[in-house]
Amino acid sequence: MNLSLRIGVLIVLIFLAIESSFSIYLLKQNRKSQNVEYCYANDPSPSKRFATKTVYDFNKNITKPTLPAKCKPVQLWSVIRHGVRLQETEEVLILQNDLPKIQEEIVKNYEKKTYKSRLCEEDFNNIKNWKLDPFVSFETAYGLADSGAQQVTELADHFRRDYSSLFDFPYNEDNYVVHSFVDPCVTKTCDIFLDRIFNHSSRNYKKDSLINDERFRFPMDLPEPNRFLESPMIQEMILDVSEKLGYIETPLNWTSVKLLYDMCRYDNAWHLNELSPWCAVFTTEQKNLFEYHEDLFCYYEYGYGNETAIDAGCTTAKSMMYYFMKTANNELNQPKGILIFSHRATFEGLFVSLNAKRDSYLLTADNYEYATDRKWKTTDDIPFSGHVTATFYSCDDNEKYVQFIINEEPLEVDLPGCVQGICPWQSVFNRLKPIADNCVID
């Protein structure tokens, strides 16, 4: 390594160290400056950025790009994530037993008055009076929440509004191809969506594992997100939360703090018009740390941090190419819509296939501050009821385009000729055809 390169590397390392130190300083200052004047319960606009457990925002302002003149939609291909779901099976006992114990300890700590709590009285009382929803059980695990059913219904209305010409045909296997992952929250999402958009009860679709075959599940013990948990920022956050809740001599561990965060975002998703008492435990910056940790996990499990991730997403590319190639060749009797209902991992693999949501740098445990404006953000891209649509357009001048939309906004795809998610068909073909051809899944 020559001298100039060594100096360059040293400068980068020093810059990252300074950024990390400054972030820790801000966290410490925030802890010192916090007092009971702030009440989460009275916050008019609290942060609701909860990574993959974020609730879909139907009220955002949306400006869609204008398509080339004299073009009409011919076929819709879409991946739709399940709506707000209930707890996982392995979370049931933790939520039923461990969380109430922590709640009891917090109340005892607060009432001892042996420390100066930074919870306002209203936030404390809300935690004290909180009760776990009675529907949390092994029987309901992975089910669709009532709030999820409500949002899926609204999503179907938006699809009919935005793609009305493609949903004006009778529902049958010739007009619509539907795949659904077999988990209860996904099949229920599919049922509600189809019932709503076609205005009648219909259960005639394929329940299979078209997407994310089990053989492509990667190890859950991922070094980079685990390394982030060991960072000074996370350790400082754990200490801060512990002190706030009265754990002065024996701080909480990561598992317990993560449990409080998960209950915060479950409450937020299950009860759309209410604030969770557990969210009062965390500052906005601390929630951002949780968000980045989950982004890292997804990035290295199914995204650009895993060199074999494209294998997990190749089935979506293969599905899209199978139908779009037939449509591009003007083959008769092609379906108007292909709808795939699945889990978050489907989207991550699809992003890799499309070369979308790709940052110019690798996300790591060391560049949290630098990655503030990263493209890879599960909060924005894969909320509950999140969706990606690819619409094939045929134009009077024989040109063909594919418009990519993510959550009703343009999906920026880094392919030649793509502008605001509108891509020449040839660019899409050139990118996805090799991926589809090399996708071998029984």
Protein backbone atom coordinates (compact mmCIF):
# COMPACT_ATOMS: atom_id res chain seq x y z
CA MET A 1 0.00 0.00 0.00
CA ASN A 2 1.59 3.35 -1.05
CA LEU A 3 1.90 6.28 1.33
CA SER A 4 -0.92 8.40 -0.13
CA LEU A 5 -3.36 5.49 0.06
CA ARG A 6 -2.38 4.81 3.68
CA ILE A 7 -2.95 8.44 4.55
CA GLY A 8 -6.36 8.36 2.84
CA VAL A 9 -7.43 5.28 4.79
CA LEU A 10 -6.19 6.84 8.04
CA ILE A 11 -8.20 10.01 7.38
CA VAL A 12 -11.37 8.00 6.78
CA LEU A 13 -10.84 6.01 10.00
CA ILE A 14 -10.27 9.20 11.99
CA PHE A 15 -13.40 10.76 10.47
CA LEU A 16 -15.52 7.74 11.43
CA ALA A 17 -14.08 7.75 14.96
CA ILE A 18 -14.89 11.45 15.37
CA GLU A 19 -18.43 10.93 14.07
CA SER A 20 -18.98 8.02 16.47
CA SER A 21 -17.61 9.98 19.43
CA PHE A 22 -19.78 12.96 18.61
CA SER A 23 -22.87 10.76 18.35
CA ILE A 24 -22.13 9.23 21.75
CA TYR A 25 -21.61 12.73 23.16
CA LEU A 26 -25.03 13.78 21.86
CA LEU A 27 -26.64 10.72 23.43
CA LYS A 28 -25.02 11.50 26.77
CA GLN A 29 -26.01 15.16 26.58
CA ASN A 30 -29.54 14.13 25.70
CA ARG A 31 -29.62 11.89 28.77
CA LYS A 32 -28.38 14.69 31.01
CA SER A 33 -30.77 17.26 29.60
CA GLN A 34 -33.89 15.12 29.69
CA ASN A 35 -36.31 15.95 32.44
CA VAL A 36 -39.93 15.38 33.34
CA GLU A 37 -41.02 18.43 31.34
CA TYR A 38 -41.31 16.17 28.30
CA CYS A 39 -44.28 13.81 28.14
CA TYR A 40 -44.50 11.31 25.31
CA ALA A 41 -48.22 11.00 26.03
CA ASN A 42 -48.66 14.66 25.05
CA ASP A 43 -46.35 14.67 22.04
CA PRO A 44 -48.46 15.73 19.00
CA SER A 45 -46.12 14.12 16.46
CA PRO A 46 -44.04 11.28 17.92
CA SER A 47 -41.76 9.27 15.68
CA LYS A 48 -43.42 6.18 14.21
CA ARG A 49 -40.48 4.88 12.21
CA PHE A 50 -40.34 1.26 13.29
CA ALA A 51 -38.45 -0.49 10.46
CA THR A 52 -40.31 -3.59 9.23
CA LYS A 53 -43.08 -3.09 11.79
CA THR A 54 -43.98 0.36 10.48
CA VAL A 55 -47.64 1.01 9.68
CA TYR A 56 -48.36 1.97 6.06
CA ASP A 57 -49.11 5.66 5.62
CA PHE A 58 -52.17 6.19 3.41
CA ASN A 59 -52.18 9.96 4.03
CA LYS A 60 -48.86 10.92 2.45
CA ASN A 61 -48.72 13.35 -0.46
CA ILE A 62 -47.99 11.47 -3.66
CA THR A 63 -46.94 12.83 -7.04
CA LYS A 64 -46.67 10.14 -9.70
CA PRO A 65 -44.58 10.63 -12.85
CA THR A 66 -46.19 11.23 -16.21
CA LEU A 67 -46.01 8.35 -18.67
CA PRO A 68 -45.08 8.81 -22.32
CA ALA A 69 -47.96 9.97 -24.49
CA LYS A 70 -50.31 7.44 -26.09
CA CYS A 71 -49.28 4.58 -23.82
CA LYS A 72 -51.73 2.25 -22.10
CA PRO A 73 -51.30 -0.26 -19.28
CA VAL A 74 -51.45 -3.84 -20.48
CA GLN A 75 -50.40 -5.93 -17.52
CA LEU A 76 -49.77 -5.45 -13.79
CA TRP A 77 -47.28 -7.47 -11.76
CA SER A 78 -47.14 -6.83 -8.03
CA VAL A 79 -45.66 -8.09 -4.78
CA ILE A 80 -47.70 -7.19 -1.70
CA ARG A 81 -46.54 -7.61 1.88
CA HIS A 82 -49.03 -8.85 4.46
CA GLY A 83 -50.86 -6.33 6.60
CA VAL A 84 -50.17 -5.65 10.27
CA ARG A 85 -49.68 -9.04 11.85
CA LEU A 86 -49.85 -10.38 15.39
CA GLN A 87 -46.94 -11.73 17.42
CA GLU A 88 -44.68 -14.58 16.40
CA THR A 89 -45.02 -17.96 18.15
CA GLU A 90 -41.71 -17.58 20.00
CA GLU A 91 -42.80 -14.18 21.33
CA VAL A 92 -45.96 -15.36 23.10
CA LEU A 93 -44.46 -16.45 26.42
CA ILE A 94 -42.02 -13.54 26.43
CA LEU A 95 -44.87 -11.05 26.05
CA GLN A 96 -47.08 -12.88 28.54
CA ASN A 97 -44.45 -13.47 31.23
CA ASP A 98 -41.26 -11.43 30.83
CA LEU A 99 -42.84 -8.10 29.92
CA PRO A 100 -45.24 -7.97 32.93
CA LYS A 101 -42.27 -8.72 35.22
CA ILE A 102 -40.34 -5.77 33.81
CA GLN A 103 -43.47 -3.63 34.12
CA GLU A 104 -43.77 -4.58 37.81
CA GLU A 105 -40.10 -3.76 38.42
CA ILE A 106 -40.47 -0.36 36.74
CA VAL A 107 -43.43 0.48 38.99
CA LYS A 108 -41.49 -0.57 42.11
CA ASN A 109 -38.45 1.44 41.04
CA TYR A 110 -40.55 4.53 40.41
CA GLU A 111 -42.50 4.34 43.65
CA LYS A 112 -39.36 3.85 45.76
CA LYS A 113 -38.36 7.42 44.88
CA THR A 114 -34.72 6.41 45.29
CA TYR A 115 -33.80 7.99 41.97
CA LYS A 116 -34.95 10.94 39.90
CA SER A 117 -37.09 9.43 37.19
CA ARG A 118 -37.12 11.03 33.76
CA LEU A 119 -40.60 9.69 33.05
CA CYS A 120 -43.34 12.23 33.46
CA GLU A 121 -46.16 11.14 35.73
CA GLU A 122 -48.56 10.57 32.85
CA ASP A 123 -46.10 8.34 30.98
CA PHE A 124 -45.41 6.39 34.16
CA ASN A 125 -49.10 5.90 34.88
CA ASN A 126 -49.67 4.71 31.33
CA ILE A 127 -46.93 2.10 31.76
CA LYS A 128 -48.30 1.13 35.17
CA ASN A 129 -51.83 0.66 33.82
CA TRP A 130 -50.84 -1.02 30.57
CA LYS A 131 -52.22 -4.51 29.94
CA LEU A 132 -51.25 -6.98 27.24
CA ASP A 133 -53.99 -7.52 24.69
CA PRO A 134 -55.89 -10.73 25.47
CA PHE A 135 -55.63 -11.91 21.87
CA VAL A 136 -51.89 -12.55 22.29
CA SER A 137 -51.72 -16.36 22.35
CA PHE A 138 -50.21 -19.33 20.56
CA GLU A 139 -53.47 -19.76 18.64
CA THR A 140 -53.29 -16.27 17.12
CA ALA A 141 -49.55 -16.30 16.33
CA TYR A 142 -48.73 -14.92 12.86
CA GLY A 143 -52.37 -13.99 12.35
CA LEU A 144 -53.56 -10.77 10.73
CA ALA A 145 -54.44 -8.02 13.20
CA ASP A 146 -57.75 -6.17 12.94
CA SER A 147 -55.81 -3.04 12.04
CA GLY A 148 -54.07 -5.05 9.32
CA ALA A 149 -57.41 -6.13 7.84
CA GLN A 150 -58.53 -2.50 7.85
CA GLN A 151 -55.42 -1.35 6.01
CA VAL A 152 -55.50 -4.17 3.45
CA THR A 153 -59.05 -3.15 2.59
CA GLU A 154 -57.89 0.41 2.02
CA LEU A 155 -54.95 -0.82 -0.04
CA ALA A 156 -57.28 -2.77 -2.35
CA ASP A 157 -59.30 0.41 -2.88
CA HIS A 158 -56.13 2.24 -3.89
CA PHE A 159 -55.22 -0.51 -6.37
CA ARG A 160 -58.65 -0.34 -7.98
CA ARG A 161 -58.36 3.44 -8.19
CA ASP A 162 -54.83 3.48 -9.63
CA TYR A 163 -55.15 0.48 -11.97
CA SER A 164 -58.85 0.58 -12.72
CA SER A 165 -58.55 -0.53 -16.36
CA LEU A 166 -56.74 -3.71 -15.32
CA PHE A 167 -59.25 -4.71 -12.63
CA ASP A 168 -62.42 -4.40 -14.70
CA PHE A 169 -62.39 -8.04 -15.74
CA PRO A 170 -64.02 -11.07 -14.07
CA TYR A 171 -61.87 -12.80 -11.50
CA ASN A 172 -60.66 -16.13 -12.89
CA GLU A 173 -57.37 -17.90 -13.53
CA ASP A 174 -57.20 -16.62 -17.09
CA ASN A 175 -57.40 -12.96 -16.08
CA TYR A 176 -55.50 -13.02 -12.77
CA VAL A 177 -52.67 -15.15 -11.43
CA VAL A 178 -52.43 -15.05 -7.64
CA HIS A 179 -49.80 -16.60 -5.38
CA SER A 180 -49.82 -16.43 -1.61
CA PHE A 181 -47.28 -17.55 0.95
CA VAL A 182 -48.86 -20.06 3.32
CA ASP A 183 -48.59 -18.18 6.66
CA PRO A 184 -51.94 -17.07 8.17
CA CYS A 185 -51.21 -13.32 8.02
CA VAL A 186 -50.36 -13.61 4.31
CA THR A 187 -53.28 -15.79 3.22
CA LYS A 188 -55.71 -13.59 5.17
CA THR A 189 -54.25 -10.50 3.51
CA CYS A 190 -54.75 -12.16 0.14
CA ASP A 191 -58.35 -13.14 0.96
CA ILE A 192 -59.34 -9.64 2.08
CA PHE A 193 -57.61 -7.96 -0.85
CA LEU A 194 -59.30 -10.18 -3.44
CA ASP A 195 -62.69 -9.94 -1.78
CA ARG A 196 -62.46 -6.17 -1.78
CA ILE A 197 -61.05 -5.47 -5.20
CA PHE A 198 -63.34 -7.91 -7.01
CA ASN A 199 -66.32 -7.21 -4.77
CA HIS A 200 -67.06 -10.85 -4.06
CA SER A 201 -65.69 -13.72 -2.04
CA SER A 202 -62.99 -15.60 -3.92
CA ARG A 203 -60.53 -18.16 -2.59
CA ASN A 204 -59.32 -19.61 -5.88
CA TYR A 205 -55.58 -18.97 -5.87
CA LYS A 206 -52.30 -20.79 -5.37
CA LYS A 207 -51.05 -21.17 -1.82
CA ASP A 208 -47.40 -21.99 -2.28
CA SER A 209 -43.85 -20.93 -1.59
CA LEU A 210 -43.17 -19.43 -5.00
CA ILE A 211 -41.08 -16.80 -3.27
CA ASN A 212 -38.15 -17.36 -0.87
CA ASP A 213 -37.86 -21.12 -0.88
CA GLU A 214 -36.71 -22.39 2.54
CA ARG A 215 -33.41 -23.51 1.02
CA PHE A 216 -32.48 -19.87 0.53
CA ARG A 217 -32.89 -18.83 4.16
CA PHE A 218 -29.50 -17.65 5.34
CA PRO A 219 -28.06 -18.01 8.86
CA MET A 220 -29.79 -15.79 11.39
CA ASP A 221 -26.56 -15.10 13.30
CA LEU A 222 -25.18 -12.25 11.21
CA PRO A 223 -21.84 -10.70 12.30
CA GLU A 224 -22.38 -7.09 11.19
CA PRO A 225 -25.67 -6.32 12.98
CA ASN A 226 -24.34 -8.20 16.01
CA ARG A 227 -21.24 -6.03 15.93
CA PHE A 228 -23.48 -2.95 15.92
CA LEU A 229 -25.02 -4.20 19.18
CA GLU A 230 -21.56 -4.04 20.74
CA SER A 231 -21.00 -0.44 19.67
CA PRO A 232 -20.68 2.32 22.29
CA MET A 233 -23.86 3.96 20.96
CA ILE A 234 -25.99 0.91 21.66
CA GLN A 235 -24.38 0.34 25.06
CA GLU A 236 -24.98 3.98 25.97
CA MET A 237 -28.60 3.66 24.87
CA ILE A 238 -29.10 0.58 27.06
CA LEU A 239 -27.67 2.43 30.07
CA ASP A 240 -29.84 5.46 29.39
CA VAL A 241 -33.05 3.42 29.15
CA SER A 242 -32.10 1.49 32.29
CA GLU A 243 -31.52 4.66 34.28
CA LYS A 244 -34.72 6.21 33.00
CA LEU A 245 -36.67 3.19 34.32
CA GLY A 246 -34.87 2.99 37.66
CA TYR A 247 -32.42 0.17 36.99
CA ILE A 248 -29.51 2.00 38.59
CA GLU A 249 -27.34 -0.77 40.05
CA THR A 250 -28.15 -3.54 37.56
CA PRO A 251 -28.91 -2.23 34.07
CA LEU A 252 -31.24 -4.03 31.69
CA ASN A 253 -29.68 -6.10 28.92
CA TRP A 254 -30.24 -5.77 25.17
CA THR A 255 -32.89 -8.50 25.14
CA SER A 256 -35.04 -6.70 27.71
CA VAL A 257 -34.66 -3.28 26.10
CA LYS A 258 -35.49 -4.78 22.68
CA LEU A 259 -38.61 -6.35 24.22
CA LEU A 260 -39.84 -2.91 25.33
CA TYR A 261 -39.16 -1.52 21.85
CA ASP A 262 -41.00 -4.40 20.17
CA MET A 263 -44.04 -3.90 22.40
CA CYS A 264 -43.93 -0.19 21.57
CA ARG A 265 -44.15 -0.88 17.86
CA TYR A 266 -46.65 -3.72 18.20
CA ASP A 267 -48.97 -1.45 20.19
CA ASN A 268 -48.52 1.27 17.59
CA ALA A 269 -49.48 -1.15 14.80
CA TRP A 270 -52.33 -2.94 16.58
CA HIS A 271 -53.99 0.25 17.85
CA LEU A 272 -53.67 2.80 15.07
CA ASN A 273 -55.11 5.79 16.91
CA GLU A 274 -53.38 5.26 20.24
CA LEU A 275 -49.89 5.87 21.62
CA SER A 276 -48.09 2.97 23.24
CA PRO A 277 -46.85 3.66 26.78
CA TRP A 278 -43.71 1.69 25.98
CA CYS A 279 -42.69 4.19 23.30
CA ALA A 280 -42.22 6.76 26.08
CA VAL A 281 -39.14 4.80 27.12
CA PHE A 282 -37.16 5.82 24.02
CA THR A 283 -36.02 9.07 22.46
CA THR A 284 -36.31 9.56 18.70
CA GLU A 285 -32.56 9.08 18.32
CA GLN A 286 -32.74 5.79 20.22
CA LYS A 287 -35.53 4.57 17.94
CA ASN A 288 -33.27 5.46 15.01
CA LEU A 289 -30.61 3.13 16.44
CA PHE A 290 -33.12 0.29 16.53
CA GLU A 291 -34.15 1.10 12.98
CA TYR A 292 -30.56 0.99 11.74
CA HIS A 293 -29.92 -2.31 13.50
CA GLU A 294 -32.89 -3.91 11.74
CA ASP A 295 -31.85 -2.35 8.43
CA LEU A 296 -28.43 -3.94 8.88
CA PHE A 297 -30.03 -7.29 9.64
CA CYS A 298 -32.15 -7.22 6.47
CA TYR A 299 -29.25 -5.86 4.42
CA TYR A 300 -26.97 -8.77 5.33
CA GLU A 301 -29.64 -11.46 5.37
CA TYR A 302 -31.39 -10.85 2.03
CA GLY A 303 -29.93 -7.62 0.66
CA TYR A 304 -26.73 -6.23 -0.83
CA GLY A 305 -24.64 -7.31 2.15
CA ASN A 306 -25.07 -10.94 1.12
CA GLU A 307 -23.38 -11.95 -2.12
CA THR A 308 -25.85 -14.80 -2.72
CA ALA A 309 -28.97 -12.73 -2.01
CA ILE A 310 -29.81 -12.54 -5.69
CA ASP A 311 -30.58 -16.28 -5.53
CA ALA A 312 -33.30 -15.62 -2.97
CA GLY A 313 -34.85 -12.92 -5.14
CA CYS A 314 -34.48 -14.64 -8.48
CA THR A 315 -37.94 -16.23 -8.33
CA THR A 316 -39.58 -12.81 -8.40
CA ALA A 317 -37.45 -11.81 -11.39
CA LYS A 318 -38.33 -15.08 -13.09
CA SER A 319 -42.04 -14.57 -12.48
CA MET A 320 -41.99 -11.02 -13.81
CA MET A 321 -40.01 -11.97 -16.90
CA TYR A 322 -42.20 -14.99 -17.67
CA TYR A 323 -45.32 -12.85 -18.01
CA PHE A 324 -43.80 -9.64 -19.38
CA MET A 325 -41.96 -11.47 -22.17
CA LYS A 326 -45.19 -13.05 -23.35
CA THR A 327 -46.92 -9.67 -23.21
CA ALA A 328 -44.04 -7.98 -25.07
CA ASN A 329 -44.33 -10.61 -27.79
CA ASN A 330 -48.06 -9.90 -28.10
CA GLU A 331 -49.06 -13.43 -27.16
CA LEU A 332 -52.81 -13.80 -26.75
CA ASN A 333 -54.80 -14.50 -23.59
CA GLN A 334 -52.29 -13.11 -21.13
CA PRO A 335 -53.44 -12.33 -17.56
CA LYS A 336 -54.23 -8.73 -16.69
CA GLY A 337 -52.68 -9.03 -13.26
CA ILE A 338 -50.15 -11.14 -11.38
CA LEU A 339 -50.42 -10.66 -7.62
CA ILE A 340 -47.92 -12.17 -5.19
CA PHE A 341 -48.63 -11.94 -1.46
CA SER A 342 -45.60 -12.59 0.69
CA HIS A 343 -43.18 -11.49 3.44
CA ARG A 344 -40.62 -8.71 3.67
CA ALA A 345 -37.72 -10.85 2.40
CA THR A 346 -39.36 -11.03 -1.01
CA PHE A 347 -38.90 -7.27 -1.39
CA GLU A 348 -35.28 -7.30 -0.33
CA GLY A 349 -34.40 -9.93 -2.92
CA LEU A 350 -36.42 -8.04 -5.54
CA PHE A 351 -34.52 -4.80 -4.84
CA VAL A 352 -31.25 -6.63 -5.49
CA SER A 353 -32.58 -8.09 -8.74
CA LEU A 354 -33.70 -4.65 -9.92
CA ASN A 355 -30.56 -2.87 -8.70
CA ALA A 356 -32.82 -0.61 -6.63
CA LYS A 357 -32.30 0.87 -3.17
CA ARG A 358 -28.57 0.40 -3.58
CA ASP A 359 -26.19 2.75 -1.81
CA SER A 360 -22.78 3.68 -3.16
CA TYR A 361 -21.19 2.32 0.02
CA LEU A 362 -21.59 -0.79 2.15
CA LEU A 363 -23.72 -0.45 5.26
CA THR A 364 -21.71 -1.51 8.30
CA ALA A 365 -21.77 -1.34 12.07
CA ASP A 366 -19.34 1.59 11.89
CA ASN A 367 -21.11 4.06 9.61
CA TYR A 368 -24.45 4.70 11.34
CA GLU A 369 -23.98 8.48 11.26
CA TYR A 370 -22.74 8.50 7.67
CA ALA A 371 -25.67 6.34 6.54
CA THR A 372 -28.38 8.67 7.81
CA ASP A 373 -29.50 9.40 4.24
CA ARG A 374 -29.10 5.82 3.01
CA LYS A 375 -31.43 4.44 0.36
CA TRP A 376 -31.85 1.10 2.17
CA LYS A 377 -34.53 1.94 4.75
CA THR A 378 -37.06 -0.72 5.65
CA THR A 379 -39.28 1.86 7.36
CA ASP A 380 -39.94 3.58 4.03
CA ASP A 381 -39.78 0.58 1.72
CA ILE A 382 -41.22 -2.46 3.51
CA PRO A 383 -43.89 -1.39 6.01
CA PHE A 384 -46.87 -3.60 6.73
CA SER A 385 -48.99 -3.63 3.53
CA GLY A 386 -46.00 -2.36 1.56
CA HIS A 387 -46.02 -3.20 -2.14
CA VAL A 388 -44.09 -2.96 -5.39
CA THR A 389 -45.90 -2.81 -8.71
CA ALA A 390 -44.47 -3.20 -12.19
CA THR A 391 -46.86 -2.14 -14.94
CA PHE A 392 -46.18 -3.06 -18.54
CA TYR A 393 -47.15 -0.26 -20.95
CA SER A 394 -47.60 -0.55 -24.70
CA CYS A 395 -47.46 2.62 -26.78
CA ASP A 396 -48.75 3.65 -30.20
CA ASP A 397 -45.23 4.06 -31.56
CA ASN A 398 -44.48 0.43 -30.70
CA GLU A 399 -42.36 1.48 -27.74
CA LYS A 400 -42.76 -0.52 -24.55
CA TYR A 401 -42.13 0.60 -20.96
CA VAL A 402 -42.30 -0.80 -17.46
CA GLN A 403 -43.28 1.53 -14.64
CA PHE A 404 -42.04 0.58 -11.18
CA ILE A 405 -43.92 1.91 -8.17
CA ILE A 406 -43.14 1.30 -4.50
CA ASN A 407 -45.82 2.18 -1.97
CA GLU A 408 -47.54 4.47 -4.50
CA GLU A 409 -44.35 6.40 -5.30
CA PRO A 410 -41.78 5.96 -8.08
CA LEU A 411 -39.23 3.23 -7.43
CA GLU A 412 -35.88 4.51 -8.64
CA VAL A 413 -34.30 1.69 -10.62
CA ASP A 414 -30.66 2.04 -11.60
CA LEU A 415 -30.98 0.78 -15.17
CA PRO A 416 -30.21 2.53 -18.50
CA GLY A 417 -32.92 4.95 -19.57
CA CYS A 418 -34.95 4.74 -16.34
CA VAL A 419 -36.44 8.02 -15.12
CA GLN A 420 -38.58 8.17 -11.99
CA GLY A 421 -39.28 4.47 -12.12
CA ILE A 422 -40.25 4.43 -15.82
CA CYS A 423 -37.89 2.14 -17.73
CA PRO A 424 -37.60 1.06 -21.36
CA TRP A 425 -38.68 -2.57 -21.61
CA GLN A 426 -35.35 -3.48 -23.20
CA SER A 427 -33.44 -2.27 -20.13
CA VAL A 428 -35.62 -4.36 -17.84
CA PHE A 429 -35.22 -7.35 -20.15
CA ASN A 430 -31.44 -6.99 -20.27
CA ARG A 431 -31.22 -6.85 -16.48
CA LEU A 432 -33.68 -9.56 -15.46
CA LYS A 433 -33.45 -12.12 -18.26
CA PRO A 434 -30.02 -13.47 -17.18
CA ILE A 435 -31.17 -13.59 -13.55
CA ALA A 436 -34.32 -15.47 -14.54
CA ASP A 437 -32.41 -17.88 -16.78
CA ASN A 438 -30.01 -18.77 -13.96
CA CYS A 439 -32.75 -19.19 -11.36
CA VAL A 440 -33.05 -22.89 -10.63
CA ILE A 441 -35.70 -23.78 -8.05
CA ASP A 442 -37.76 -26.95 -8.12
